[in-house]
Structure formats: structure tokens, C-alpha cells
PDB file of N, CA and C in Angstrom:
ATOM      1  N   MET A   1       0.825  -1.157   0.034  1.00  0.00           N
ATOM      2  CA  MET A   1       0.040   0.137   0.065  1.00  0.00           C
ATOM      3  C   MET A   1       1.074   1.301   0.051  1.00  0.00           C
ATOM      4  N   THR A   2       0.589   2.295  -0.784  1.00  0.00           N
ATOM      5  CA  THR A   2       1.504   3.292  -0.777  1.00  0.00           C
ATOM      6  C   THR A   2       0.870   4.612   0.067  1.00  0.00           C
ATOM      7  N   SER A   3       1.557   5.176   0.515  1.00  0.00           N
ATOM      8  CA  SER A   3       1.225   6.345   1.276  1.00  0.00           C
ATOM      9  C   SER A   3       0.821   7.565   0.643  1.00  0.00           C
ATOM     10  N   ARG A   4       0.130   8.291   1.395  1.00  0.00           N
ATOM     11  CA  ARG A   4      -0.358   9.617   0.703  1.00  0.00           C
ATOM     12  C   ARG A   4       0.665  10.485   0.276  1.00  0.00           C
ATOM     13  N   ARG A   5       1.667  10.574   1.002  1.00  0.00           N
ATOM     14  CA  ARG A   5       2.917  11.377   0.416  1.00  0.00           C
ATOM     15  C   ARG A   5       3.407  10.890  -0.810  1.00  0.00           C
ATOM     16  N   GLN A   6       3.547   9.472  -0.999  1.00  0.00           N
ATOM     17  CA  GLN A   6       3.935   8.930  -2.175  1.00  0.00           C
ATOM     18  C   GLN A   6       3.151   9.131  -3.325  1.00  0.00           C
ATOM     19  N   PHE A   7       1.791   8.843  -3.035  1.00  0.00           N
ATOM     20  CA  PHE A   7       0.861   9.185  -4.166  1.00  0.00           C
ATOM     21  C   PHE A   7       0.992  10.596  -4.611  1.00  0.00           C
ATOM     22  N   MET A   8       1.027  11.668  -3.722  1.00  0.00           N
ATOM     23  CA  MET A   8       1.073  12.970  -4.095  1.00  0.00           C
ATOM     24  C   MET A   8       2.435  13.315  -5.052  1.00  0.00           C
ATOM     25  N   MET A   9       3.443  12.727  -4.479  1.00  0.00           N
ATOM     26  CA  MET A   9       4.724  12.894  -5.221  1.00  0.00           C
ATOM     27  C   MET A   9       4.684  12.236  -6.759  1.00  0.00           C
ATOM     28  N   THR A  10       3.791  11.512  -6.830  1.00  0.00           N
ATOM     29  CA  THR A  10       3.618  10.826  -8.148  1.00  0.00           C
ATOM     30  C   THR A  10       2.550  11.552  -9.086  1.00  0.00           C
ATOM     31  N   ILE A  11       1.654  11.733  -8.575  1.00  0.00           N
ATOM     32  CA  ILE A  11       0.416  12.356  -9.256  1.00  0.00           C
ATOM     33  C   ILE A  11       0.638  13.962  -9.444  1.00  0.00           C
ATOM     34  N   VAL A  12       1.266  14.669  -8.767  1.00  0.00           N
ATOM     35  CA  VAL A  12       1.576  16.323  -9.148  1.00  0.00           C
ATOM     36  C   VAL A  12       2.465  16.404 -10.319  1.00  0.00           C
ATOM     37  N   PRO A  13       3.724  15.671 -10.448  1.00  0.00           N
ATOM     38  CA  PRO A  13       4.427  15.756 -11.766  1.00  0.00           C
ATOM     39  C   PRO A  13       3.743  15.233 -12.808  1.00  0.00           C
ATOM     40  N   ALA A  14       2.848  14.068 -12.830  1.00  0.00           N
ATOM     41  CA  ALA A  14       2.185  13.532 -13.889  1.00  0.00           C
ATOM     42  C   ALA A  14       1.142  14.528 -14.384  1.00  0.00           C
ATOM     43  N   CYS A  15       0.429  15.242 -13.483  1.00  0.00           N
ATOM     44  CA  CYS A  15      -0.501  16.363 -13.804  1.00  0.00           C
ATOM     45  C   CYS A  15       0.258  17.591 -14.550  1.00  0.00           C
ATOM     46  N   ALA A  16       1.289  17.942 -14.048  1.00  0.00           N
ATOM     47  CA  ALA A  16       2.141  19.071 -14.746  1.00  0.00           C
ATOM     48  C   ALA A  16       2.425  18.563 -16.137  1.00  0.00           C
ATOM     49  N   ALA A  17       3.001  17.266 -16.221  1.00  0.00           N
ATOM     50  CA  ALA A  17       3.254  16.910 -17.494  1.00  0.00           C
ATOM     51  C   ALA A  17       2.055  16.801 -18.553  1.00  0.00           C
ATOM     52  N   LEU A  18       1.059  16.302 -18.186  1.00  0.00           N
ATOM     53  CA  LEU A  18      -0.186  16.401 -19.047  1.00  0.00           C
ATOM     54  C   LEU A  18      -0.663  17.759 -19.338  1.00  0.00           C
ATOM     55  N   SER A  19      -0.523  18.770 -18.397  1.00  0.00           N
ATOM     56  CA  SER A  19      -0.881  20.177 -18.708  1.00  0.00           C
ATOM     57  C   SER A  19       0.139  20.852 -19.639  1.00  0.00           C
ATOM     58  N   ALA A  20       1.317  20.397 -19.711  1.00  0.00           N
ATOM     59  CA  ALA A  20       2.290  20.847 -20.663  1.00  0.00           C
ATOM     60  C   ALA A  20       2.072  20.388 -22.011  1.00  0.00           C
ATOM     61  N   LEU A  21       1.538  19.102 -21.989  1.00  0.00           N
ATOM     62  CA  LEU A  21       1.337  18.466 -23.328  1.00  0.00           C
ATOM     63  C   LEU A  21       0.120  19.041 -23.887  1.00  0.00           C
ATOM     64  N   GLY A  22      -0.846  19.426 -23.091  1.00  0.00           N
ATOM     65  CA  GLY A  22      -2.029  19.995 -23.575  1.00  0.00           C
ATOM     66  C   GLY A  22      -1.859  21.371 -24.270  1.00  0.00           C
ATOM     67  N   ALA A  23      -0.984  22.075 -23.591  1.00  0.00           N
ATOM     68  CA  ALA A  23      -0.627  23.527 -24.091  1.00  0.00           C
ATOM     69  C   ALA A  23       0.241  23.467 -25.388  1.00  0.00           C
ATOM     70  N   ALA A  24       1.046  22.432 -25.462  1.00  0.00           N
ATOM     71  CA  ALA A  24       1.837  22.147 -26.648  1.00  0.00           C
ATOM     72  C   ALA A  24       0.812  21.752 -27.909  1.00  0.00           C
ATOM     73  N   HIS A  25      -0.004  20.957 -27.564  1.00  0.00           N
ATOM     74  CA  HIS A  25      -1.060  20.492 -28.491  1.00  0.00           C
ATOM     75  C   HIS A  25      -1.829  21.734 -29.103  1.00  0.00           C
ATOM     76  N   ALA A  26      -2.380  22.678 -28.060  1.00  0.00           N
ATOM     77  CA  ALA A  26      -3.109  23.999 -28.500  1.00  0.00           C
ATOM     78  C   ALA A  26      -2.317  24.733 -29.381  1.00  0.00           C
ATOM     79  N   ALA A  27      -1.114  24.885 -29.412  1.00  0.00           N
ATOM     80  CA  ALA A  27      -0.204  25.577 -30.190  1.00  0.00           C
ATOM     81  C   ALA A  27       0.183  25.002 -31.482  1.00  0.00           C
ATOM     82  N   ASP A  28      -0.193  23.859 -31.637  1.00  0.00           N
ATOM     83  CA  ASP A  28      -0.028  22.953 -32.916  1.00  0.00           C
ATOM     84  C   ASP A  28      -1.448  23.079 -33.674  1.00  0.00           C
ATOM     85  N   ALA A  29      -2.501  23.571 -32.966  1.00  0.00           N
ATOM     86  CA  ALA A  29      -3.722  23.464 -33.685  1.00  0.00           C
ATOM     87  C   ALA A  29      -3.896  24.204 -34.949  1.00  0.00           C
ATOM     88  N   PRO A  30      -4.539  24.011 -35.977  1.00  0.00           N
ATOM     89  CA  PRO A  30      -4.629  24.623 -37.238  1.00  0.00           C
ATOM     90  C   PRO A  30      -5.297  26.000 -37.010  1.00  0.00           C
ATOM     91  N   LYS A  31      -4.818  26.938 -37.812  1.00  0.00           N
ATOM     92  CA  LYS A  31      -5.599  28.159 -37.893  1.00  0.00           C
ATOM     93  C   LYS A  31      -6.867  28.007 -38.667  1.00  0.00           C
ATOM     94  N   VAL A  32      -7.985  28.505 -38.093  1.00  0.00           N
ATOM     95  CA  VAL A  32      -9.189  28.556 -38.613  1.00  0.00           C
ATOM     96  C   VAL A  32      -9.338  29.205 -39.836  1.00  0.00           C
ATOM     97  N   ASP A  33     -10.018  28.848 -40.673  1.00  0.00           N
ATOM     98  CA  ASP A  33     -10.506  29.430 -41.943  1.00  0.00           C
ATOM     99  C   ASP A  33     -11.678  30.073 -41.890  1.00  0.00           C
ATOM    100  N   GLU A  34     -11.717  31.203 -42.551  1.00  0.00           N
ATOM    101  CA  GLU A  34     -13.009  32.172 -42.511  1.00  0.00           C
ATOM    102  C   GLU A  34     -14.090  31.453 -43.144  1.00  0.00           C
ATOM    103  N   LYS A  35     -13.790  30.350 -43.974  1.00  0.00           N
ATOM    104  CA  LYS A  35     -14.887  29.631 -44.805  1.00  0.00           C
ATOM    105  C   LYS A  35     -15.472  28.464 -44.061  1.00  0.00           C
ATOM    106  N   ASP A  36     -14.710  28.209 -42.955  1.00  0.00           N
ATOM    107  CA  ASP A  36     -14.954  27.052 -41.929  1.00  0.00           C
ATOM    108  C   ASP A  36     -16.695  27.513 -41.592  1.00  0.00           C
ATOM    109  N   PRO A  37     -17.417  26.331 -41.593  1.00  0.00           N
ATOM    110  CA  PRO A  37     -18.928  26.541 -41.275  1.00  0.00           C
ATOM    111  C   PRO A  37     -19.130  27.234 -39.925  1.00  0.00           C
ATOM    112  N   ALA A  38     -18.271  26.805 -38.838  1.00  0.00           N
ATOM    113  CA  ALA A  38     -18.354  27.415 -37.651  1.00  0.00           C
ATOM    114  C   ALA A  38     -18.086  28.847 -37.589  1.00  0.00           C
ATOM    115  N   ALA A  39     -16.939  29.073 -38.433  1.00  0.00           N
ATOM    116  CA  ALA A  39     -16.416  30.557 -38.457  1.00  0.00           C
ATOM    117  C   ALA A  39     -17.575  31.463 -39.178  1.00  0.00           C
ATOM    118  N   VAL A  40     -18.015  30.862 -40.139  1.00  0.00           N
ATOM    119  CA  VAL A  40     -19.127  31.560 -40.893  1.00  0.00           C
ATOM    120  C   VAL A  40     -20.293  31.706 -40.195  1.00  0.00           C
ATOM    121  N   GLY A  41     -20.844  30.801 -39.185  1.00  0.00           N
ATOM    122  CA  GLY A  41     -21.903  30.911 -38.373  1.00  0.00           C
ATOM    123  C   GLY A  41     -21.559  32.108 -37.309  1.00  0.00           C
ATOM    124  N   LEU A  42     -20.337  32.368 -36.820  1.00  0.00           N
ATOM    125  CA  LEU A  42     -19.984  33.411 -35.950  1.00  0.00           C
ATOM    126  C   LEU A  42     -19.489  34.647 -36.374  1.00  0.00           C
ATOM    127  N   GLY A  43     -19.604  34.735 -37.918  1.00  0.00           N
ATOM    128  CA  GLY A  43     -19.165  35.926 -38.413  1.00  0.00           C
ATOM    129  C   GLY A  43     -17.563  36.281 -38.349  1.00  0.00           C
ATOM    130  N   TYR A  44     -16.920  35.214 -38.258  1.00  0.00           N
ATOM    131  CA  TYR A  44     -15.367  35.478 -37.705  1.00  0.00           C
ATOM    132  C   TYR A  44     -14.728  35.971 -38.950  1.00  0.00           C
ATOM    133  N   LYS A  45     -13.730  36.985 -38.742  1.00  0.00           N
ATOM    134  CA  LYS A  45     -12.792  37.578 -39.556  1.00  0.00           C
ATOM    135  C   LYS A  45     -11.695  37.733 -38.876  1.00  0.00           C
ATOM    136  N   ALA A  46     -10.527  37.176 -39.651  1.00  0.00           N
ATOM    137  CA  ALA A  46      -9.248  37.292 -39.105  1.00  0.00           C
ATOM    138  C   ALA A  46      -8.529  38.706 -39.032  1.00  0.00           C
ATOM    139  N   ASP A  47      -9.239  39.741 -39.609  1.00  0.00           N
ATOM    140  CA  ASP A  47      -8.933  40.976 -39.387  1.00  0.00           C
ATOM    141  C   ASP A  47     -10.153  41.760 -39.024  1.00  0.00           C
ATOM    142  N   ALA A  48     -10.152  42.232 -37.946  1.00  0.00           N
ATOM    143  CA  ALA A  48     -11.364  42.690 -37.273  1.00  0.00           C
ATOM    144  C   ALA A  48     -11.813  44.119 -38.140  1.00  0.00           C
ATOM    145  N   THR A  49     -10.915  44.782 -38.755  1.00  0.00           N
ATOM    146  CA  THR A  49     -11.078  46.047 -39.466  1.00  0.00           C
ATOM    147  C   THR A  49     -12.055  45.628 -40.748  1.00  0.00           C
ATOM    148  N   LYS A  50     -12.181  44.291 -41.159  1.00  0.00           N
ATOM    149  CA  LYS A  50     -12.882  43.997 -42.244  1.00  0.00           C
ATOM    150  C   LYS A  50     -14.335  43.450 -41.936  1.00  0.00           C
ATOM    151  N   VAL A  51     -14.806  43.571 -40.728  1.00  0.00           N
ATOM    152  CA  VAL A  51     -16.095  43.109 -40.269  1.00  0.00           C
ATOM    153  C   VAL A  51     -16.988  44.211 -40.850  1.00  0.00           C
ATOM    154  N   ASP A  52     -18.252  43.762 -41.282  1.00  0.00           N
ATOM    155  CA  ASP A  52     -19.105  44.425 -41.847  1.00  0.00           C
ATOM    156  C   ASP A  52     -20.161  44.921 -40.782  1.00  0.00           C
ATOM    157  N   ALA A  53     -20.058  46.149 -40.225  1.00  0.00           N
ATOM    158  CA  ALA A  53     -20.810  46.764 -39.159  1.00  0.00           C
ATOM    159  C   ALA A  53     -22.380  46.489 -39.232  1.00  0.00           C
ATOM    160  N   LYS A  54     -22.658  46.724 -40.672  1.00  0.00           N
ATOM    161  CA  LYS A  54     -24.054  46.514 -40.854  1.00  0.00           C
ATOM    162  C   LYS A  54     -24.651  45.297 -40.471  1.00  0.00           C
ATOM    163  N   ASN A  55     -23.995  44.341 -40.930  1.00  0.00           N
ATOM    164  CA  ASN A  55     -24.225  42.864 -40.572  1.00  0.00           C
ATOM    165  C   ASN A  55     -24.128  42.542 -39.137  1.00  0.00           C
ATOM    166  N   TYR A  56     -23.175  43.022 -38.512  1.00  0.00           N
ATOM    167  CA  TYR A  56     -22.785  42.648 -37.173  1.00  0.00           C
ATOM    168  C   TYR A  56     -22.796  43.921 -36.181  1.00  0.00           C
ATOM    169  N   PRO A  57     -24.128  44.428 -35.905  1.00  0.00           N
ATOM    170  CA  PRO A  57     -24.183  45.813 -35.194  1.00  0.00           C
ATOM    171  C   PRO A  57     -23.438  45.777 -33.769  1.00  0.00           C
ATOM    172  N   THR A  58     -23.164  44.518 -33.208  1.00  0.00           N
ATOM    173  CA  THR A  58     -22.539  44.270 -31.927  1.00  0.00           C
ATOM    174  C   THR A  58     -21.115  44.651 -32.145  1.00  0.00           C
ATOM    175  N   TYR A  59     -20.419  44.742 -33.385  1.00  0.00           N
ATOM    176  CA  TYR A  59     -19.016  44.966 -33.334  1.00  0.00           C
ATOM    177  C   TYR A  59     -18.751  46.222 -33.149  1.00  0.00           C
ATOM    178  N   LYS A  60     -17.644  46.451 -32.330  1.00  0.00           N
ATOM    179  CA  LYS A  60     -17.069  47.752 -32.096  1.00  0.00           C
ATOM    180  C   LYS A  60     -15.650  47.839 -32.229  1.00  0.00           C
ATOM    181  N   ALA A  61     -15.217  48.960 -33.071  1.00  0.00           N
ATOM    182  CA  ALA A  61     -13.552  48.948 -33.301  1.00  0.00           C
ATOM    183  C   ALA A  61     -12.787  48.796 -32.063  1.00  0.00           C
ATOM    184  N   GLY A  62     -11.884  48.044 -32.085  1.00  0.00           N
ATOM    185  CA  GLY A  62     -11.090  47.709 -30.753  1.00  0.00           C
ATOM    186  C   GLY A  62     -11.504  46.487 -30.114  1.00  0.00           C
ATOM    187  N   ASN A  63     -12.586  45.879 -30.477  1.00  0.00           N
ATOM    188  CA  ASN A  63     -13.008  44.643 -29.891  1.00  0.00           C
ATOM    189  C   ASN A  63     -12.305  43.620 -30.833  1.00  0.00           C
ATOM    190  N   VAL A  64     -11.254  42.925 -30.298  1.00  0.00           N
ATOM    191  CA  VAL A  64     -10.579  41.805 -31.092  1.00  0.00           C
ATOM    192  C   VAL A  64     -10.511  40.652 -30.304  1.00  0.00           C
ATOM    193  N   CYS A  65     -10.059  39.494 -30.914  1.00  0.00           N
ATOM    194  CA  CYS A  65      -9.980  38.344 -30.341  1.00  0.00           C
ATOM    195  C   CYS A  65      -8.972  38.177 -29.042  1.00  0.00           C
ATOM    196  N   GLY A  66      -7.853  39.110 -29.175  1.00  0.00           N
ATOM    197  CA  GLY A  66      -6.871  39.091 -28.150  1.00  0.00           C
ATOM    198  C   GLY A  66      -7.533  39.573 -27.002  1.00  0.00           C
ATOM    199  N   GLY A  67      -8.430  40.424 -26.897  1.00  0.00           N
ATOM    200  CA  GLY A  67      -9.149  40.854 -25.821  1.00  0.00           C
ATOM    201  C   GLY A  67     -10.497  40.261 -25.162  1.00  0.00           C
ATOM    202  N   CYS A  68     -10.683  39.025 -25.911  1.00  0.00           N
ATOM    203  CA  CYS A  68     -11.980  38.195 -25.613  1.00  0.00           C
ATOM    204  C   CYS A  68     -11.793  37.113 -24.607  1.00  0.00           C
ATOM    205  N   GLN A  69     -12.763  36.883 -23.820  1.00  0.00           N
ATOM    206  CA  GLN A  69     -12.544  35.898 -22.840  1.00  0.00           C
ATOM    207  C   GLN A  69     -12.350  34.501 -23.260  1.00  0.00           C
ATOM    208  N   PHE A  70     -12.662  34.264 -24.573  1.00  0.00           N
ATOM    209  CA  PHE A  70     -12.656  32.996 -25.030  1.00  0.00           C
ATOM    210  C   PHE A  70     -11.168  32.715 -25.779  1.00  0.00           C
ATOM    211  N   PHE A  71     -10.540  33.637 -25.896  1.00  0.00           N
ATOM    212  CA  PHE A  71      -9.088  33.593 -26.459  1.00  0.00           C
ATOM    213  C   PHE A  71      -8.116  32.976 -25.527  1.00  0.00           C
ATOM    214  N   GLN A  72      -7.462  31.843 -25.986  1.00  0.00           N
ATOM    215  CA  GLN A  72      -6.800  31.245 -24.869  1.00  0.00           C
ATOM    216  C   GLN A  72      -5.231  31.269 -25.092  1.00  0.00           C
ATOM    217  N   GLY A  73      -4.847  32.196 -26.027  1.00  0.00           N
ATOM    218  CA  GLY A  73      -3.560  32.420 -26.309  1.00  0.00           C
ATOM    219  C   GLY A  73      -2.983  33.409 -25.044  1.00  0.00           C
ATOM    220  N   LYS A  74      -1.796  33.647 -25.012  1.00  0.00           N
ATOM    221  CA  LYS A  74      -1.201  34.419 -24.055  1.00  0.00           C
ATOM    222  C   LYS A  74      -1.196  35.971 -24.503  1.00  0.00           C
ATOM    223  N   ALA A  75      -1.155  36.859 -23.729  1.00  0.00           N
ATOM    224  CA  ALA A  75      -0.937  38.375 -24.086  1.00  0.00           C
ATOM    225  C   ALA A  75       0.016  38.533 -25.016  1.00  0.00           C
ATOM    226  N   GLY A  76      -0.011  39.216 -26.022  1.00  0.00           N
ATOM    227  CA  GLY A  76       0.976  39.433 -27.070  1.00  0.00           C
ATOM    228  C   GLY A  76       1.055  38.243 -28.237  1.00  0.00           C
ATOM    229  N   ASP A  77       0.386  37.148 -28.056  1.00  0.00           N
ATOM    230  CA  ASP A  77       0.340  36.077 -29.208  1.00  0.00           C
ATOM    231  C   ASP A  77      -0.338  36.702 -30.259  1.00  0.00           C
ATOM    232  N   ALA A  78       0.096  36.254 -31.472  1.00  0.00           N
ATOM    233  CA  ALA A  78      -0.692  36.767 -32.641  1.00  0.00           C
ATOM    234  C   ALA A  78      -1.750  35.632 -32.978  1.00  0.00           C
ATOM    235  N   TRP A  79      -1.614  34.380 -32.538  1.00  0.00           N
ATOM    236  CA  TRP A  79      -2.620  33.512 -32.782  1.00  0.00           C
ATOM    237  C   TRP A  79      -2.906  32.742 -31.457  1.00  0.00           C
ATOM    238  N   GLY A  80      -4.031  32.257 -31.304  1.00  0.00           N
ATOM    239  CA  GLY A  80      -4.354  31.533 -30.069  1.00  0.00           C
ATOM    240  C   GLY A  80      -5.602  30.718 -30.190  1.00  0.00           C
ATOM    241  N   PRO A  81      -5.794  29.635 -29.467  1.00  0.00           N
ATOM    242  CA  PRO A  81      -6.745  28.636 -29.657  1.00  0.00           C
ATOM    243  C   PRO A  81      -8.239  29.294 -29.284  1.00  0.00           C
ATOM    244  N   CYS A  82      -9.345  29.008 -29.773  1.00  0.00           N
ATOM    245  CA  CYS A  82     -10.673  29.309 -29.286  1.00  0.00           C
ATOM    246  C   CYS A  82     -11.435  28.212 -29.104  1.00  0.00           C
ATOM    247  N   PRO A  83     -11.974  27.933 -28.029  1.00  0.00           N
ATOM    248  CA  PRO A  83     -12.982  26.650 -27.802  1.00  0.00           C
ATOM    249  C   PRO A  83     -14.108  27.054 -28.736  1.00  0.00           C
ATOM    250  N   LEU A  84     -14.639  28.062 -28.967  1.00  0.00           N
ATOM    251  CA  LEU A  84     -15.764  28.218 -29.753  1.00  0.00           C
ATOM    252  C   LEU A  84     -15.673  27.673 -31.211  1.00  0.00           C
ATOM    253  N   LEU A  85     -14.451  27.632 -31.654  1.00  0.00           N
ATOM    254  CA  LEU A  85     -14.229  27.177 -33.016  1.00  0.00           C
ATOM    255  C   LEU A  85     -13.326  25.904 -33.011  1.00  0.00           C
ATOM    256  N   GLY A  86     -13.799  25.066 -32.060  1.00  0.00           N
ATOM    257  CA  GLY A  86     -13.066  23.661 -31.808  1.00  0.00           C
ATOM    258  C   GLY A  86     -11.656  23.662 -31.632  1.00  0.00           C
ATOM    259  N   GLY A  87     -11.185  24.685 -30.924  1.00  0.00           N
ATOM    260  CA  GLY A  87      -9.811  24.605 -30.397  1.00  0.00           C
ATOM    261  C   GLY A  87      -8.892  25.170 -31.494  1.00  0.00           C
ATOM    262  N   LYS A  88      -9.548  25.345 -32.642  1.00  0.00           N
ATOM    263  CA  LYS A  88      -8.515  25.951 -33.630  1.00  0.00           C
ATOM    264  C   LYS A  88      -8.137  27.489 -33.314  1.00  0.00           C
ATOM    265  N   GLN A  89      -6.928  27.884 -33.968  1.00  0.00           N
ATOM    266  CA  GLN A  89      -6.332  29.020 -33.555  1.00  0.00           C
ATOM    267  C   GLN A  89      -6.972  30.268 -34.390  1.00  0.00           C
ATOM    268  N   VAL A  90      -7.160  31.298 -33.547  1.00  0.00           N
ATOM    269  CA  VAL A  90      -7.730  32.577 -34.366  1.00  0.00           C
ATOM    270  C   VAL A  90      -6.785  33.555 -34.135  1.00  0.00           C
ATOM    271  N   SER A  91      -6.871  34.572 -34.954  1.00  0.00           N
ATOM    272  CA  SER A  91      -5.967  35.639 -34.915  1.00  0.00           C
ATOM    273  C   SER A  91      -6.418  36.606 -33.754  1.00  0.00           C
ATOM    274  N   ALA A  92      -5.324  37.165 -33.002  1.00  0.00           N
ATOM    275  CA  ALA A  92      -5.677  38.089 -32.072  1.00  0.00           C
ATOM    276  C   ALA A  92      -6.082  39.330 -32.647  1.00  0.00           C
ATOM    277  N   LYS A  93      -6.072  39.361 -33.815  1.00  0.00           N
ATOM    278  CA  LYS A  93      -6.693  40.835 -34.340  1.00  0.00           C
ATOM    279  C   LYS A  93      -7.988  40.442 -35.082  1.00  0.00           C
ATOM    280  N   GLY A  94      -8.432  39.391 -35.029  1.00  0.00           N
ATOM    281  CA  GLY A  94      -9.744  39.001 -35.531  1.00  0.00           C
ATOM    282  C   GLY A  94     -10.830  39.215 -34.643  1.00  0.00           C
ATOM    283  N   TRP A  95     -11.990  39.092 -35.039  1.00  0.00           N
ATOM    284  CA  TRP A  95     -13.353  39.094 -34.249  1.00  0.00           C
ATOM    285  C   TRP A  95     -14.392  38.224 -34.668  1.00  0.00           C
ATOM    286  N   CYS A  96     -15.400  37.764 -33.834  1.00  0.00           N
ATOM    287  CA  CYS A  96     -16.375  37.216 -34.094  1.00  0.00           C
ATOM    288  C   CYS A  96     -17.642  37.727 -33.416  1.00  0.00           C
ATOM    289  N   SER A  97     -18.911  37.155 -33.737  1.00  0.00           N
ATOM    290  CA  SER A  97     -20.075  37.628 -33.075  1.00  0.00           C
ATOM    291  C   SER A  97     -20.222  37.313 -31.545  1.00  0.00           C
ATOM    292  N   ALA A  98     -19.522  36.376 -31.052  1.00  0.00           N
ATOM    293  CA  ALA A  98     -19.528  35.906 -29.593  1.00  0.00           C
ATOM    294  C   ALA A  98     -18.496  36.622 -28.849  1.00  0.00           C
ATOM    295  N   TRP A  99     -17.924  37.675 -29.463  1.00  0.00           N
ATOM    296  CA  TRP A  99     -16.835  38.310 -28.707  1.00  0.00           C
ATOM    297  C   TRP A  99     -17.279  38.827 -27.310  1.00  0.00           C
ATOM    298  N   ALA A 100     -16.575  38.639 -26.275  1.00  0.00           N
ATOM    299  CA  ALA A 100     -16.941  39.259 -24.839  1.00  0.00           C
ATOM    300  C   ALA A 100     -15.730  39.362 -24.078  1.00  0.00           C
ATOM    301  N   LYS A 101     -15.705  40.681 -23.759  1.00  0.00           N
ATOM    302  CA  LYS A 101     -14.660  41.226 -22.915  1.00  0.00           C
ATOM    303  C   LYS A 101     -14.030  40.388 -21.841  1.00  0.00           C
ATOM    304  N   LYS A 102     -12.683  40.382 -21.807  1.00  0.00           N
ATOM    305  CA  LYS A 102     -12.072  39.618 -20.860  1.00  0.00           C
ATOM    306  C   LYS A 102     -12.255  40.167 -19.357  1.00  0.00           C
ATOM    307  N   ALA A 103     -12.515  39.290 -18.422  1.00  0.00           N
ATOM    308  CA  ALA A 103     -12.901  39.763 -17.177  1.00  0.00           C
ATOM    309  C   ALA A 103     -11.595  40.261 -16.413  1.00  0.00           C
TER     310      ALA A 103
END
């Protein structure tokens, strides 16, 4: 029988390794294509300045993926995964209709 201490000394490094693998996998995710059905449904544009404000009245200049709560890249990353688009990478300068300010 293993002790609680031995268990913790085994599980903590294993969890850290799995977390690092998950982050590495997210960085390898493909970039989303604007023609992808999910991207079309959300009105995703890789360049927020090209969003048609008439079709998307919620769009406001300066609202970009890099400032969205769903953007999982680090601050300053040009691309980062988005769970709304299947974990594919979106441009930090992009926008979609699900944009929500980071808390």
C-alpha cells in the first residue's frame, strides 16, 4: 500500500506533464479558415477591421479576439486557440459575434 505522500509525489508531476502536453497541442492546432462553417456562423474575420458593421451591429472598433474571454493565447500572441471554433487558432486581431470582454 502506498502512502499519501508517495501518491502526491507521483500525481503532481504527472498532472504538470499532462498540462504541458495540452498547451503544446493547442499551439499546434490549425488556424481557422474564415470559410469554416463554424467561423461563418459566428461571422469570424481574421482582421477585425474587415467586419461588416451593418451585418454585425455588436461589432465595435477595438474589440478583437486578443481581448476576448474565449481567446486562450497569451497576451501578445498573434494567434491562439478558441474553444468556440473547436480549439482552432484564431488571429488576435480577429473578431466574431461571440466576442466578450475579458474579465
